[in-house]
Amino acid sequence: MSHLAYPVVITPLAEDDGGGFAATVPDLPGCMSDGETPEEALHNVLDAIECWIERA
């Protein structure tokens, strides 16, 4: 099963929350990450997807 099969939602974070971007995976409850840029958030959430699948 490829981690690319899961949709990822990237949203900007408020400056009060540290800024940057959050990446969540709606199909995998609790699977999320963040980054300074949308690209970094996506890269980081791909690692989170792999970890989520290993623990499932």
C-alpha atoms as a PDB file:
ATOM      1  CA  MET A   1       0.000   0.000   0.000  1.00  0.00           C
ATOM      2  CA  SER A   2       1.489   3.342  -1.047  1.00  0.00           C
ATOM      3  CA  HIS A   3       1.356   6.389   1.177  1.00  0.00           C
ATOM      4  CA  LEU A   4       0.594   8.390  -1.980  1.00  0.00           C
ATOM      5  CA  ALA A   5      -2.876   6.829  -2.051  1.00  0.00           C
ATOM      6  CA  TYR A   6      -4.025   9.074   0.817  1.00  0.00           C
ATOM      7  CA  PRO A   7      -5.261  12.632   0.275  1.00  0.00           C
ATOM      8  CA  VAL A   8      -3.435  15.283   2.288  1.00  0.00           C
ATOM      9  CA  VAL A   9      -4.947  18.601   3.398  1.00  0.00           C
ATOM     10  CA  ILE A  10      -2.497  21.468   3.878  1.00  0.00           C
ATOM     11  CA  THR A  11      -3.624  24.576   5.739  1.00  0.00           C
ATOM     12  CA  PRO A  12      -1.784  27.672   6.934  1.00  0.00           C
ATOM     13  CA  LEU A  13      -1.223  28.015  10.675  1.00  0.00           C
ATOM     14  CA  ALA A  14      -1.889  31.294  12.477  1.00  0.00           C
ATOM     15  CA  GLU A  15       1.121  33.279  13.633  1.00  0.00           C
ATOM     16  CA  ASP A  16      -0.153  32.722  17.204  1.00  0.00           C
ATOM     17  CA  ASP A  17       0.305  28.985  16.572  1.00  0.00           C
ATOM     18  CA  GLY A  18       3.856  29.460  15.298  1.00  0.00           C
ATOM     19  CA  GLY A  19       3.067  30.064  11.627  1.00  0.00           C
ATOM     20  CA  GLY A  20       3.923  27.678   8.839  1.00  0.00           C
ATOM     21  CA  PHE A  21       1.584  25.017   7.513  1.00  0.00           C
ATOM     22  CA  ALA A  22      -0.220  21.985   8.913  1.00  0.00           C
ATOM     23  CA  ALA A  23      -0.678  18.813   6.872  1.00  0.00           C
ATOM     24  CA  THR A  24      -3.375  16.333   7.876  1.00  0.00           C
ATOM     25  CA  VAL A  25      -4.494  13.013   6.406  1.00  0.00           C
ATOM     26  CA  PRO A  26      -8.283  12.740   6.808  1.00  0.00           C
ATOM     27  CA  ASP A  27      -8.315   8.991   6.059  1.00  0.00           C
ATOM     28  CA  LEU A  28      -5.814   8.277   8.878  1.00  0.00           C
ATOM     29  CA  PRO A  29      -7.151   9.680  12.180  1.00  0.00           C
ATOM     30  CA  GLY A  30      -4.497  11.575  14.097  1.00  0.00           C
ATOM     31  CA  CYS A  31      -1.981  11.487  11.241  1.00  0.00           C
ATOM     32  CA  MET A  32      -0.561  14.984  10.833  1.00  0.00           C
ATOM     33  CA  SER A  33       2.599  17.018  10.600  1.00  0.00           C
ATOM     34  CA  ASP A  34       3.700  20.561   9.862  1.00  0.00           C
ATOM     35  CA  GLY A  35       6.406  22.597   8.178  1.00  0.00           C
ATOM     36  CA  GLU A  36       7.584  26.106   7.386  1.00  0.00           C
ATOM     37  CA  THR A  37       6.320  25.799   3.780  1.00  0.00           C
ATOM     38  CA  PRO A  38       3.531  23.741   2.182  1.00  0.00           C
ATOM     39  CA  GLU A  39       6.191  21.593   0.518  1.00  0.00           C
ATOM     40  CA  GLU A  40       7.950  20.921   3.824  1.00  0.00           C
ATOM     41  CA  ALA A  41       4.632  20.073   5.491  1.00  0.00           C
ATOM     42  CA  LEU A  42       3.873  17.587   2.699  1.00  0.00           C
ATOM     43  CA  HIS A  43       7.327  16.016   2.955  1.00  0.00           C
ATOM     44  CA  ASN A  44       6.970  15.688   6.731  1.00  0.00           C
ATOM     45  CA  VAL A  45       3.483  14.206   6.585  1.00  0.00           C
ATOM     46  CA  LEU A  46       4.697  11.483   4.202  1.00  0.00           C
ATOM     47  CA  ASP A  47       6.938  10.267   7.039  1.00  0.00           C
ATOM     48  CA  ALA A  48       3.982  10.487   9.422  1.00  0.00           C
ATOM     49  CA  ILE A  49       1.886   8.340   7.053  1.00  0.00           C
ATOM     50  CA  GLU A  50       4.544   5.624   7.026  1.00  0.00           C
ATOM     51  CA  CYS A  51       4.702   5.663  10.845  1.00  0.00           C
ATOM     52  CA  TRP A  52       0.900   5.603  11.118  1.00  0.00           C
ATOM     53  CA  ILE A  53       0.685   2.563   8.826  1.00  0.00           C
ATOM     54  CA  GLU A  54       3.450   0.710  10.708  1.00  0.00           C
ATOM     55  CA  ARG A  55       1.577   1.170  13.994  1.00  0.00           C
ATOM     56  CA  ALA A  56      -1.817   0.164  12.599  1.00  0.00           C
END
